[in-house]
Amino acid sequence: MNSIQQITGMVFIIVGLGFDIFGCIGLLRLPDVYNRLQATTKCVTLGTCSILLGAFILKGVSTTGIKAILVAIFLLLTSPVAAHALARGAHKSGVKLWPKSVVDKYEQDGN
């Protein structure tokens, strides 16, 4: 493995860790469940996929590398769907938006 490949893999892993940390901070700092879902879904999906891509770059086309890519694909497909289901379930069960929220599309659509 050459040093360019190692550096590239480590850069992807470090960037991914940064996004995961921002997602965790958003989970703690944002005011309501809907904002928290948005922050964690976007940041953690991008961060974790970046970490997995870095692992693939480091390991190459091996069983570990292929598993990393498969997990990243699975995460990209399921994470937005899960966040949407959680947000819709929270809205249907009556969880209120933050008072300074501007728009409630679910309420406008009558769903």
C-alpha atoms as a PDB file:
ATOM      1  CA  MET A   1       0.000   0.000   0.000  1.00  0.00           C
ATOM      2  CA  ASN A   2       1.447   3.329  -0.972  1.00  0.00           C
ATOM      3  CA  SER A   3       1.510   6.430   1.185  1.00  0.00           C
ATOM      4  CA  ILE A   4      -0.941   8.360  -1.044  1.00  0.00           C
ATOM      5  CA  GLN A   5      -3.533   5.641  -0.491  1.00  0.00           C
ATOM      6  CA  GLN A   6      -2.944   5.689   3.267  1.00  0.00           C
ATOM      7  CA  ILE A   7      -3.160   9.469   3.437  1.00  0.00           C
ATOM      8  CA  THR A   8      -6.361   9.546   1.361  1.00  0.00           C
ATOM      9  CA  GLY A   9      -7.970   6.856   3.511  1.00  0.00           C
ATOM     10  CA  MET A  10      -7.050   8.633   6.715  1.00  0.00           C
ATOM     11  CA  VAL A  11      -8.327  11.980   5.383  1.00  0.00           C
ATOM     12  CA  PHE A  12     -11.721  10.396   4.634  1.00  0.00           C
ATOM     13  CA  ILE A  13     -11.803   8.857   8.108  1.00  0.00           C
ATOM     14  CA  ILE A  14     -10.900  12.140   9.830  1.00  0.00           C
ATOM     15  CA  VAL A  15     -13.474  14.100   7.806  1.00  0.00           C
ATOM     16  CA  GLY A  16     -16.068  11.438   8.649  1.00  0.00           C
ATOM     17  CA  LEU A  17     -15.266  11.690  12.343  1.00  0.00           C
ATOM     18  CA  GLY A  18     -15.693  15.454  12.115  1.00  0.00           C
ATOM     19  CA  PHE A  19     -19.145  15.094  10.574  1.00  0.00           C
ATOM     20  CA  ASP A  20     -20.115  12.503  13.189  1.00  0.00           C
ATOM     21  CA  ILE A  21     -19.025  14.880  15.962  1.00  0.00           C
ATOM     22  CA  PHE A  22     -21.084  17.722  14.427  1.00  0.00           C
ATOM     23  CA  GLY A  23     -24.084  15.380  14.257  1.00  0.00           C
ATOM     24  CA  CYS A  24     -23.688  14.542  17.943  1.00  0.00           C
ATOM     25  CA  ILE A  25     -23.391  18.224  18.841  1.00  0.00           C
ATOM     26  CA  GLY A  26     -26.557  18.908  16.813  1.00  0.00           C
ATOM     27  CA  LEU A  27     -28.331  16.158  18.717  1.00  0.00           C
ATOM     28  CA  LEU A  28     -27.482  17.848  21.991  1.00  0.00           C
ATOM     29  CA  ARG A  29     -27.907  21.493  21.011  1.00  0.00           C
ATOM     30  CA  LEU A  30     -30.923  21.731  18.708  1.00  0.00           C
ATOM     31  CA  PRO A  31     -34.314  22.579  20.221  1.00  0.00           C
ATOM     32  CA  ASP A  32     -36.795  19.924  19.043  1.00  0.00           C
ATOM     33  CA  VAL A  33     -36.999  16.395  17.716  1.00  0.00           C
ATOM     34  CA  TYR A  34     -37.386  17.488  14.097  1.00  0.00           C
ATOM     35  CA  ASN A  35     -34.275  19.678  14.075  1.00  0.00           C
ATOM     36  CA  ARG A  36     -32.327  16.976  15.882  1.00  0.00           C
ATOM     37  CA  LEU A  37     -33.391  14.371  13.349  1.00  0.00           C
ATOM     38  CA  GLN A  38     -32.283  16.587  10.494  1.00  0.00           C
ATOM     39  CA  ALA A  39     -28.869  17.247  11.999  1.00  0.00           C
ATOM     40  CA  THR A  40     -28.158  13.677  12.971  1.00  0.00           C
ATOM     41  CA  THR A  41     -29.430  12.155   9.734  1.00  0.00           C
ATOM     42  CA  LYS A  42     -27.431  14.408   7.448  1.00  0.00           C
ATOM     43  CA  CYS A  43     -24.210  14.635   9.452  1.00  0.00           C
ATOM     44  CA  VAL A  44     -24.009  11.080  10.707  1.00  0.00           C
ATOM     45  CA  THR A  45     -24.943   9.554   7.343  1.00  0.00           C
ATOM     46  CA  LEU A  46     -22.286  11.592   5.545  1.00  0.00           C
ATOM     47  CA  GLY A  47     -19.748  11.059   8.322  1.00  0.00           C
ATOM     48  CA  THR A  48     -20.227   7.320   8.647  1.00  0.00           C
ATOM     49  CA  CYS A  49     -20.189   6.811   4.877  1.00  0.00           C
ATOM     50  CA  SER A  50     -16.963   8.824   4.731  1.00  0.00           C
ATOM     51  CA  ILE A  51     -15.409   6.629   7.424  1.00  0.00           C
ATOM     52  CA  LEU A  52     -16.476   3.507   5.550  1.00  0.00           C
ATOM     53  CA  LEU A  53     -15.080   4.885   2.294  1.00  0.00           C
ATOM     54  CA  GLY A  54     -11.802   5.578   4.090  1.00  0.00           C
ATOM     55  CA  ALA A  55     -11.771   1.993   5.358  1.00  0.00           C
ATOM     56  CA  PHE A  56     -12.356   0.765   1.807  1.00  0.00           C
ATOM     57  CA  ILE A  57      -9.473   2.887   0.516  1.00  0.00           C
ATOM     58  CA  LEU A  58      -7.185   1.562   3.248  1.00  0.00           C
ATOM     59  CA  LYS A  59      -8.179  -2.097   2.899  1.00  0.00           C
ATOM     60  CA  GLY A  60      -8.711  -2.201  -0.860  1.00  0.00           C
ATOM     61  CA  VAL A  61     -10.790  -4.833  -2.603  1.00  0.00           C
ATOM     62  CA  SER A  62     -10.790  -7.373   0.206  1.00  0.00           C
ATOM     63  CA  THR A  63     -13.549  -8.851   2.331  1.00  0.00           C
ATOM     64  CA  THR A  64     -13.264  -5.924   4.750  1.00  0.00           C
ATOM     65  CA  GLY A  65     -13.295  -3.338   1.953  1.00  0.00           C
ATOM     66  CA  ILE A  66     -16.305  -4.897   0.213  1.00  0.00           C
ATOM     67  CA  LYS A  67     -18.194  -5.073   3.514  1.00  0.00           C
ATOM     68  CA  ALA A  68     -17.447  -1.393   4.148  1.00  0.00           C
ATOM     69  CA  ILE A  69     -18.893  -0.405   0.764  1.00  0.00           C
ATOM     70  CA  LEU A  70     -21.966  -2.616   1.251  1.00  0.00           C
ATOM     71  CA  VAL A  71     -22.619  -1.106   4.689  1.00  0.00           C
ATOM     72  CA  ALA A  72     -22.243   2.421   3.248  1.00  0.00           C
ATOM     73  CA  ILE A  73     -24.773   1.638   0.510  1.00  0.00           C
ATOM     74  CA  PHE A  74     -27.177   0.165   3.065  1.00  0.00           C
ATOM     75  CA  LEU A  75     -26.761   3.230   5.283  1.00  0.00           C
ATOM     76  CA  LEU A  76     -27.405   5.623   2.385  1.00  0.00           C
ATOM     77  CA  LEU A  77     -30.616   3.773   1.537  1.00  0.00           C
ATOM     78  CA  THR A  78     -32.038   3.293   5.025  1.00  0.00           C
ATOM     79  CA  SER A  79     -31.036   6.334   7.056  1.00  0.00           C
ATOM     80  CA  PRO A  80     -33.193   8.954   5.250  1.00  0.00           C
ATOM     81  CA  VAL A  81     -36.178   6.594   5.210  1.00  0.00           C
ATOM     82  CA  ALA A  82     -35.833   5.899   8.932  1.00  0.00           C
ATOM     83  CA  ALA A  83     -35.549   9.613   9.742  1.00  0.00           C
ATOM     84  CA  HIS A  84     -38.658  10.372   7.686  1.00  0.00           C
ATOM     85  CA  ALA A  85     -40.589   7.611   9.451  1.00  0.00           C
ATOM     86  CA  LEU A  86     -39.510   8.908  12.866  1.00  0.00           C
ATOM     87  CA  ALA A  87     -40.449  12.505  12.007  1.00  0.00           C
ATOM     88  CA  ARG A  88     -43.827  11.477  10.625  1.00  0.00           C
ATOM     89  CA  GLY A  89     -44.515   9.278  13.643  1.00  0.00           C
ATOM     90  CA  ALA A  90     -43.567  12.089  16.010  1.00  0.00           C
ATOM     91  CA  HIS A  91     -45.852  14.506  14.165  1.00  0.00           C
ATOM     92  CA  LYS A  92     -48.784  12.073  14.123  1.00  0.00           C
ATOM     93  CA  SER A  93     -48.374  11.388  17.845  1.00  0.00           C
ATOM     94  CA  GLY A  94     -48.585  15.114  18.592  1.00  0.00           C
ATOM     95  CA  VAL A  95     -44.978  16.127  19.258  1.00  0.00           C
ATOM     96  CA  LYS A  96     -44.969  19.893  18.872  1.00  0.00           C
ATOM     97  CA  LEU A  97     -42.502  21.862  16.799  1.00  0.00           C
ATOM     98  CA  TRP A  98     -40.188  24.385  18.357  1.00  0.00           C
ATOM     99  CA  PRO A  99     -42.208  27.604  18.875  1.00  0.00           C
ATOM    100  CA  LYS A 100     -39.926  29.571  16.512  1.00  0.00           C
ATOM    101  CA  SER A 101     -40.379  27.076  13.662  1.00  0.00           C
ATOM    102  CA  VAL A 102     -41.554  28.751  10.483  1.00  0.00           C
ATOM    103  CA  VAL A 103     -43.249  25.990   8.456  1.00  0.00           C
ATOM    104  CA  ASP A 104     -45.081  22.758   9.205  1.00  0.00           C
ATOM    105  CA  LYS A 105     -45.552  20.972   5.873  1.00  0.00           C
ATOM    106  CA  TYR A 106     -47.297  17.980   7.454  1.00  0.00           C
ATOM    107  CA  GLU A 107     -49.903  20.272   8.995  1.00  0.00           C
ATOM    108  CA  GLN A 108     -50.357  22.200   5.723  1.00  0.00           C
ATOM    109  CA  ASP A 109     -50.873  18.978   3.757  1.00  0.00           C
ATOM    110  CA  GLY A 110     -53.400  17.741   6.279  1.00  0.00           C
ATOM    111  CA  ASN A 111     -51.525  14.483   6.938  1.00  0.00           C
END
